Amino acid sequence: MAIKIVGLGNSSLNASLTIIIQSSSNSSFTIKKSFNTFLPYVFVILCIGVVVLNSFVLVAFVKNRNLRTPFNIYIINLVLADLLQALFDLPFTLLGEFTPIWPLGRAGCNFALYAKWVFSAAVRNTHSLISLNRMWAVFMPISYRERHTRAIATALCLGTWVYVHIFLLPGLVLDSVVYRLDGDSCQLNTTAQRDWALPSQVVVYNSSVFIIGISYPLIWWKLRQRLKVDPGQKKEVEMRPVGPYRHACLCAPETSVRGTNDVAARNGREIDDLFTRRNGQLRMGETNEQNPANGSLDGQIPTGQRDPSRPSQSFIVLTYLVVGVIFCWSPIMIYFTMQIVTGYNNNLHYVAGTLLYYFNSLLDPFFFALAMAPLRATLWRILSLV
């Protein structure tokens, strides 16, 4: 009697094994045994959770226009990317778990690969964009204050999507037309396109972890340096209206030239914490936890409303995102890089890395709600109406 083990599945996640036992009488039968049978159901729960939570956060941004600040445009873009990934990538992963043979043909495979590669890249590069935005804010505060608007933030987010497509579409199209290995599975033939696959993996995917990992310590160091600037005046902050639109401005008692210069340095420390009055309407700053629409400030913010030594909301958001990225993305990034370079294939590594990667999209809404008090208040108001 001989035992033949044949692996079936359209991805490495499908760990089903078909064991065919052949006897001397040429009789055979098939026993399909699933390894980790709970895995498909974990992905079902994960998919539903990501869709519901990110949709909930997106509704909050739609209903409260005060939340749509320049910095929060990047958060909205990340929520959209997470949502698109959950709607058009995770379902195909689930399909691969429940059906050992790809059932949707070449056209369905083309769309599934597009969704998997493009939306994943959009999520990763939006994280990079948030880190680079914080670098701009803390290292070039005057330029950030003068140039960073909702229009600029929107353009940068759209540019990220264009950049991702420029890198990935050539390989996806060539795979469909030339290199696709027809069979029971739906996978991109990266072996045949190693000259495209490896640079894309490094530039489009791996770079996000490097950018986030390198920029965060620099941002933290710069903020710490600014706290050391004349600490005796750290809390001597008042708000006074300036300019034709009575922009609120962080200012300190003008007792000396040095004191004024120190305040100028602290102004760049958190540009996002300002309220502005434009055309007679207040707009909520990115990091203040109060809604100015709820009370008349007459173009001013009371003295001492925010302690400059307190971490800004945008920095707290970045901190949560960095922690999630480092722990949730690194395993799958290492797996795919090794697979392209050496042909590495370890199912347990792939399963664990994939679960952690998608789990990060489930964590993002919690991170945003924890770090952003105005968003949290809006979410509670929406829940109270349900």
Protein backbone atom coordinates (compact mmCIF):
# COMPACT_ATOMS: atom_id res chain seq x y z
CA MET A 1 0.00 0.00 0.00
CA ALA A 2 1.32 3.44 -0.94
CA ILE A 3 0.39 6.77 0.51
CA LYS A 4 0.39 9.82 -1.74
CA ILE A 5 -0.04 13.28 -0.28
CA VAL A 6 -1.29 15.94 -2.68
CA GLY A 7 -1.66 19.60 -1.71
CA LEU A 8 -4.57 21.53 -3.13
CA GLY A 9 -5.40 25.19 -2.70
CA ASN A 10 -5.25 28.60 -4.28
CA SER A 11 -2.98 30.13 -1.67
CA SER A 12 -0.54 29.19 1.04
CA LEU A 13 -3.26 29.91 3.56
CA ASN A 14 -5.22 26.92 2.38
CA ALA A 15 -3.69 24.21 4.46
CA SER A 16 -6.00 21.42 3.38
CA LEU A 17 -4.39 18.15 2.49
CA THR A 18 -5.91 15.42 0.38
CA ILE A 19 -4.52 12.04 1.36
CA ILE A 20 -5.04 9.36 -1.25
CA ILE A 21 -4.47 5.82 -0.01
CA GLN A 22 -4.00 3.30 -2.77
CA SER A 23 -4.14 -0.43 -2.08
CA SER A 24 -2.90 -3.37 -4.15
CA SER A 25 -6.44 -3.96 -5.43
CA ASN A 26 -6.24 -0.53 -7.14
CA SER A 27 -9.07 0.75 -4.97
CA SER A 28 -8.69 4.28 -3.74
CA PHE A 29 -10.56 6.73 -1.68
CA THR A 30 -10.01 10.32 -0.72
CA ILE A 31 -9.99 11.68 2.78
CA LYS A 32 -9.96 15.45 3.00
CA LYS A 33 -8.58 16.60 6.31
CA SER A 34 -8.37 20.29 7.10
CA PHE A 35 -5.42 21.59 9.04
CA ASN A 36 -6.49 24.44 11.32
CA THR A 37 -10.16 24.21 10.35
CA PHE A 38 -10.96 27.26 12.46
CA LEU A 39 -8.87 29.51 10.19
CA PRO A 40 -11.55 30.36 7.59
CA TYR A 41 -13.96 31.38 10.34
CA VAL A 42 -11.33 33.60 11.92
CA PHE A 43 -11.05 35.41 8.59
CA VAL A 44 -14.85 35.76 8.39
CA ILE A 45 -14.94 37.45 11.80
CA LEU A 46 -11.94 39.59 10.90
CA CYS A 47 -13.48 40.71 7.61
CA ILE A 48 -16.80 41.66 9.23
CA GLY A 49 -15.04 43.51 12.06
CA VAL A 50 -12.82 45.54 9.72
CA VAL A 51 -15.76 46.53 7.50
CA VAL A 52 -18.05 47.51 10.39
CA LEU A 53 -15.51 49.46 12.45
CA ASN A 54 -13.93 51.35 9.54
CA SER A 55 -17.37 52.17 8.11
CA PHE A 56 -18.40 53.52 11.52
CA VAL A 57 -15.35 55.79 11.68
CA LEU A 58 -15.89 56.94 8.09
CA VAL A 59 -19.51 57.90 8.90
CA ALA A 60 -18.22 60.00 11.81
CA PHE A 61 -15.92 61.94 9.49
CA VAL A 62 -18.78 62.47 7.03
CA LYS A 63 -21.25 63.68 9.67
CA ASN A 64 -18.89 66.03 11.52
CA ARG A 65 -17.22 68.46 9.12
CA ASN A 66 -15.06 69.83 11.94
CA LEU A 67 -13.19 66.52 11.91
CA ARG A 68 -12.10 67.00 8.31
CA THR A 69 -8.92 68.94 9.10
CA PRO A 70 -5.84 68.81 6.84
CA PHE A 71 -4.11 66.17 8.96
CA ASN A 72 -7.27 64.09 9.28
CA ILE A 73 -7.47 63.84 5.49
CA TYR A 74 -4.69 61.25 5.79
CA ILE A 75 -6.69 59.40 8.45
CA ILE A 76 -9.73 59.37 6.17
CA ASN A 77 -7.58 58.03 3.33
CA LEU A 78 -6.27 55.26 5.58
CA VAL A 79 -9.80 54.34 6.70
CA LEU A 80 -10.90 54.17 3.04
CA ALA A 81 -7.92 51.99 2.12
CA ASP A 82 -8.61 49.65 5.05
CA LEU A 83 -12.26 49.46 4.05
CA LEU A 84 -11.53 48.76 0.37
CA GLN A 85 -9.06 46.08 1.37
CA ALA A 86 -11.65 44.44 3.61
CA LEU A 87 -14.34 44.59 0.91
CA PHE A 88 -12.33 43.48 -2.10
CA ASP A 89 -9.27 41.62 -0.81
CA LEU A 90 -10.31 39.69 2.30
CA PRO A 91 -13.35 38.06 0.61
CA PHE A 92 -11.06 36.44 -1.97
CA THR A 93 -8.83 35.20 0.83
CA LEU A 94 -11.94 33.70 2.42
CA LEU A 95 -12.90 32.16 -0.91
CA GLY A 96 -9.53 30.47 -1.04
CA GLU A 97 -10.10 29.05 2.41
CA PHE A 98 -13.50 27.55 1.71
CA THR A 99 -12.90 26.37 -1.87
CA PRO A 100 -9.72 24.42 -2.65
CA ILE A 101 -9.97 25.18 -6.39
CA TRP A 102 -10.24 28.76 -7.70
CA PRO A 103 -13.83 29.06 -9.00
CA LEU A 104 -13.95 32.52 -10.63
CA GLY A 105 -11.78 32.04 -13.70
CA ARG A 106 -9.06 34.28 -15.08
CA ALA A 107 -11.08 37.53 -14.94
CA GLY A 108 -11.94 36.95 -11.30
CA CYS A 109 -8.32 36.09 -10.57
CA ASN A 110 -7.16 39.32 -12.24
CA PHE A 111 -9.42 41.41 -10.01
CA ALA A 112 -8.49 39.45 -6.89
CA LEU A 113 -4.77 39.97 -7.49
CA TYR A 114 -5.31 43.66 -8.27
CA ALA A 115 -7.24 44.13 -5.01
CA LYS A 116 -4.70 42.20 -2.95
CA TRP A 117 -1.64 44.03 -4.26
CA VAL A 118 -2.99 47.56 -4.79
CA PHE A 119 -5.13 48.05 -1.68
CA SER A 120 -2.46 46.55 0.54
CA ALA A 121 0.09 48.94 -0.96
CA ALA A 122 -2.29 51.88 -0.47
CA VAL A 123 -2.69 51.05 3.22
CA ARG A 124 1.05 50.80 3.75
CA ASN A 125 1.94 53.96 1.86
CA THR A 126 -0.73 55.99 3.63
CA HIS A 127 0.99 55.05 6.89
CA SER A 128 4.23 56.33 5.37
CA LEU A 129 2.49 59.53 4.30
CA ILE A 130 1.28 60.17 7.85
CA SER A 131 4.82 59.75 9.18
CA LEU A 132 6.25 62.07 6.54
CA ASN A 133 3.54 64.62 7.31
CA ARG A 134 4.58 64.65 10.97
CA MET A 135 8.22 65.06 9.92
CA TRP A 136 7.21 68.11 7.91
CA ALA A 137 5.19 69.52 10.82
CA VAL A 138 7.93 69.27 13.44
CA PHE A 139 11.05 69.96 11.36
CA MET A 140 9.63 72.72 9.11
CA PRO A 141 6.78 74.18 11.18
CA ILE A 142 6.57 77.53 9.39
CA SER A 143 6.39 75.90 5.96
CA TYR A 144 3.83 73.42 7.30
CA ARG A 145 1.63 76.15 8.73
CA GLU A 146 1.74 78.25 5.58
CA ARG A 147 1.44 75.51 2.94
CA HIS A 148 -0.36 72.54 4.43
CA THR A 149 -4.06 72.72 3.58
CA ARG A 150 -6.86 70.27 2.93
CA ALA A 151 -6.21 70.63 -0.80
CA ILE A 152 -2.53 69.74 -0.37
CA ALA A 153 -3.38 66.78 1.87
CA THR A 154 -5.95 65.52 -0.64
CA ALA A 155 -3.49 65.87 -3.51
CA LEU A 156 -0.82 63.95 -1.59
CA CYS A 157 -3.27 61.13 -0.84
CA LEU A 158 -4.35 60.92 -4.49
CA GLY A 159 -0.69 60.99 -5.51
CA THR A 160 -0.06 57.98 -3.28
CA TRP A 161 -2.70 55.98 -5.15
CA VAL A 162 -1.20 57.01 -8.50
CA TYR A 163 2.30 56.08 -7.32
CA VAL A 164 1.10 52.63 -6.21
CA HIS A 165 -0.56 51.98 -9.58
CA ILE A 166 2.52 53.10 -11.53
CA PHE A 167 4.64 50.56 -9.69
CA LEU A 168 2.23 47.63 -9.61
CA LEU A 169 0.09 47.71 -12.76
CA PRO A 170 2.90 46.71 -15.20
CA GLY A 171 3.64 43.51 -13.28
CA LEU A 172 -0.03 42.66 -12.81
CA VAL A 173 -0.79 43.14 -16.50
CA LEU A 174 2.25 41.13 -17.65
CA ASP A 175 1.35 38.34 -15.25
CA SER A 176 -2.16 38.13 -16.69
CA VAL A 177 -1.03 38.26 -20.33
CA VAL A 178 2.25 36.32 -20.27
CA TYR A 179 3.36 34.73 -17.01
CA ARG A 180 0.23 33.41 -15.29
CA LEU A 181 0.43 29.69 -14.48
CA ASP A 182 -3.02 28.34 -15.26
CA GLY A 183 -4.28 25.74 -12.84
CA ASP A 184 -6.32 25.37 -9.69
CA SER A 185 -4.79 28.37 -7.96
CA CYS A 186 -4.84 32.14 -8.34
CA GLN A 187 -1.37 33.47 -7.62
CA LEU A 188 0.97 36.04 -9.08
CA ASN A 189 3.97 34.41 -10.74
CA THR A 190 6.66 36.49 -9.04
CA THR A 191 9.37 33.99 -9.96
CA ALA A 192 9.03 34.84 -13.65
CA GLN A 193 9.09 38.58 -12.90
CA ARG A 194 11.76 38.75 -10.25
CA ASP A 195 13.20 41.98 -11.71
CA TRP A 196 9.83 43.65 -11.14
CA ALA A 197 8.67 41.81 -8.03
CA LEU A 198 11.70 42.43 -5.81
CA PRO A 199 11.96 46.22 -6.42
CA SER A 200 8.19 46.52 -5.95
CA GLN A 201 8.32 44.56 -2.71
CA VAL A 202 11.13 46.74 -1.35
CA VAL A 203 9.93 50.15 -2.60
CA VAL A 204 6.15 49.84 -2.33
CA TYR A 205 5.80 47.52 0.68
CA ASN A 206 8.95 47.22 2.78
CA SER A 207 9.77 50.92 2.58
CA SER A 208 6.70 51.79 4.64
CA VAL A 209 8.06 49.95 7.68
CA PHE A 210 11.47 51.55 7.22
CA ILE A 211 10.01 55.06 6.85
CA ILE A 212 7.80 54.66 9.90
CA GLY A 213 10.55 53.06 11.97
CA ILE A 214 13.11 55.76 11.13
CA SER A 215 10.85 58.83 11.23
CA TYR A 216 9.20 58.15 14.59
CA PRO A 217 12.40 58.36 16.71
CA LEU A 218 13.36 61.55 14.87
CA ILE A 219 9.96 63.12 15.52
CA TRP A 220 10.08 62.11 19.18
CA TRP A 221 13.60 63.55 19.51
CA LYS A 222 12.59 66.84 17.88
CA LEU A 223 9.58 67.27 20.16
CA ARG A 224 11.75 66.56 23.19
CA GLN A 225 14.24 69.17 22.04
CA ARG A 226 11.49 71.76 21.78
CA LEU A 227 10.34 71.01 25.31
CA LYS A 228 13.83 71.89 26.49
CA VAL A 229 13.62 75.39 25.01
CA ASP A 230 13.21 77.74 27.97
CA PRO A 231 11.19 75.30 30.13
CA GLY A 232 10.48 78.09 32.63
CA GLN A 233 8.07 79.68 30.16
CA LYS A 234 6.54 76.40 29.00
CA LYS A 235 3.13 77.10 30.50
CA GLU A 236 3.13 80.86 30.07
CA VAL A 237 1.08 80.64 26.92
CA GLU A 238 -1.78 82.86 25.91
CA MET A 239 -3.87 83.24 22.79
CA ARG A 240 -4.42 86.51 21.01
CA PRO A 241 -6.06 87.31 17.69
CA VAL A 242 -3.82 88.37 14.83
CA GLY A 243 -4.32 89.12 11.15
CA PRO A 244 -7.41 90.17 9.23
CA TYR A 245 -9.28 86.97 10.11
CA ARG A 246 -8.28 87.09 13.79
CA HIS A 247 -6.32 83.82 13.58
CA ALA A 248 -5.66 82.45 17.02
CA CYS A 249 -1.92 82.42 17.67
CA LEU A 250 0.20 80.88 20.41
CA CYS A 251 2.10 83.73 21.99
CA ALA A 252 3.99 84.32 25.23
CA PRO A 253 4.53 87.44 27.30
CA GLU A 254 6.75 89.63 25.14
CA THR A 255 9.22 90.46 27.87
CA SER A 256 12.35 89.88 25.85
CA VAL A 257 13.62 89.09 22.41
CA ARG A 258 14.74 85.71 23.64
CA GLY A 259 11.30 84.97 25.03
CA THR A 260 9.71 85.83 21.68
CA ASN A 261 12.15 83.61 19.83
CA ASP A 262 11.49 80.77 22.24
CA VAL A 263 7.78 81.08 21.65
CA ALA A 264 8.37 81.03 17.90
CA ALA A 265 10.15 77.72 18.36
CA ARG A 266 7.29 76.40 20.43
CA ASN A 267 4.76 77.58 17.85
CA GLY A 268 6.16 75.05 15.41
CA ARG A 269 5.86 72.39 18.05
CA GLU A 270 2.22 71.81 17.32
CA ILE A 271 0.72 73.84 14.54
CA ASP A 272 -2.30 71.55 14.47
CA ASP A 273 -3.53 72.76 17.87
CA LEU A 274 -4.82 76.08 16.59
CA PHE A 275 -8.35 77.23 16.08
CA THR A 276 -8.89 79.56 13.15
CA ARG A 277 -11.77 81.81 12.30
CA ARG A 278 -12.27 82.14 8.56
CA ASN A 279 -15.14 83.95 6.90
CA GLY A 280 -16.84 84.25 10.28
CA GLN A 281 -16.83 80.48 10.96
CA LEU A 282 -14.60 78.65 13.41
CA ARG A 283 -12.74 75.54 12.30
CA MET A 284 -11.56 73.06 14.87
CA GLY A 285 -7.83 72.54 15.07
CA GLU A 286 -6.48 69.09 14.52
CA THR A 287 -5.49 68.27 18.05
CA ASN A 288 -7.70 70.28 20.37
CA GLU A 289 -10.20 68.20 22.24
CA GLN A 290 -12.96 70.80 22.23
CA ASN A 291 -15.33 71.84 19.51
CA PRO A 292 -15.20 75.62 19.09
CA ALA A 293 -18.61 75.53 17.46
CA ASN A 294 -20.05 74.78 20.87
CA GLY A 295 -19.07 78.16 22.29
CA SER A 296 -18.12 81.66 21.20
CA LEU A 297 -14.42 82.31 21.46
CA ASP A 298 -14.53 85.68 19.72
CA GLY A 299 -11.42 84.84 17.78
CA GLN A 300 -9.43 83.92 20.89
CA ILE A 301 -8.58 80.87 22.95
CA PRO A 302 -8.32 81.33 26.71
CA THR A 303 -4.88 81.40 28.27
CA GLY A 304 -3.56 77.99 29.26
CA GLN A 305 -6.14 75.97 27.34
CA ARG A 306 -3.52 73.43 26.33
CA ASP A 307 -0.29 72.53 28.09
CA PRO A 308 2.50 72.68 25.48
CA SER A 309 4.26 69.80 27.25
CA ARG A 310 1.33 67.48 26.58
CA PRO A 311 1.76 65.20 23.53
CA SER A 312 -0.30 66.40 20.59
CA GLN A 313 -3.21 64.42 19.25
CA SER A 314 -1.50 63.85 15.90
CA PHE A 315 1.62 62.54 17.67
CA ILE A 316 -0.51 60.17 19.76
CA VAL A 317 -2.20 58.92 16.57
CA LEU A 318 1.22 58.38 15.02
CA THR A 319 2.42 56.51 18.10
CA TYR A 320 -0.49 54.07 17.98
CA LEU A 321 -0.03 53.52 14.25
CA VAL A 322 3.71 52.90 14.60
CA VAL A 323 3.19 50.29 17.31
CA GLY A 324 0.58 48.51 15.19
CA VAL A 325 2.71 48.58 12.06
CA ILE A 326 5.91 47.29 13.66
CA PHE A 327 4.21 44.33 15.32
CA CYS A 328 1.59 43.49 12.68
CA TRP A 329 3.42 44.10 9.39
CA SER A 330 6.95 42.91 9.98
CA PRO A 331 6.25 39.12 9.83
CA ILE A 332 4.48 39.19 6.46
CA MET A 333 6.99 41.67 5.03
CA ILE A 334 9.82 39.31 5.95
CA TYR A 335 7.94 36.33 4.49
CA PHE A 336 7.30 37.87 1.06
CA THR A 337 10.82 39.29 0.78
CA MET A 338 12.34 35.87 1.51
CA GLN A 339 9.89 34.20 -0.86
CA ILE A 340 10.88 36.44 -3.77
CA VAL A 341 14.61 36.25 -3.07
CA THR A 342 15.06 32.61 -2.03
CA GLY A 343 11.78 30.84 -2.84
CA TYR A 344 11.08 30.51 0.90
CA ASN A 345 7.71 28.87 1.66
CA ASN A 346 6.60 28.27 5.24
CA ASN A 347 2.85 27.92 5.69
CA LEU A 348 2.80 28.69 9.41
CA HIS A 349 4.82 31.84 8.87
CA TYR A 350 2.48 32.94 6.08
CA VAL A 351 -0.69 32.23 8.08
CA ALA A 352 0.54 34.07 11.18
CA GLY A 353 1.86 37.01 9.14
CA THR A 354 -1.35 37.35 7.13
CA LEU A 355 -3.57 37.26 10.21
CA LEU A 356 -1.46 39.91 11.94
CA TYR A 357 -1.44 42.10 8.85
CA TYR A 358 -5.23 42.12 8.48
CA PHE A 359 -5.66 42.46 12.24
CA ASN A 360 -3.91 45.83 12.04
CA SER A 361 -6.82 47.14 9.92
CA LEU A 362 -9.10 46.10 12.77
CA LEU A 363 -6.96 47.98 15.29
CA ASP A 364 -6.78 51.26 13.36
CA PRO A 365 -10.33 52.45 14.22
CA PHE A 366 -9.66 51.80 17.91
CA PHE A 367 -6.40 53.75 17.68
CA PHE A 368 -8.15 56.72 16.08
CA ALA A 369 -10.93 56.73 18.68
CA LEU A 370 -8.47 56.48 21.58
CA ALA A 371 -6.23 59.27 20.30
CA MET A 372 -8.82 61.72 18.91
CA ALA A 373 -11.30 63.06 21.46
CA PRO A 374 -13.47 64.91 18.87
CA LEU A 375 -13.81 61.70 16.86
CA ARG A 376 -14.62 59.77 20.00
CA ALA A 377 -17.34 62.25 20.93
CA THR A 378 -18.82 62.07 17.44
CA LEU A 379 -18.88 58.27 17.56
CA TRP A 380 -20.71 58.37 20.90
CA ARG A 381 -23.27 60.81 19.49
CA ILE A 382 -23.90 58.49 16.53
CA LEU A 383 -24.31 55.52 18.86
CA SER A 384 -26.75 57.44 21.03
CA LEU A 385 -28.98 57.96 17.99
CA VAL A 386 -29.08 54.29 17.09
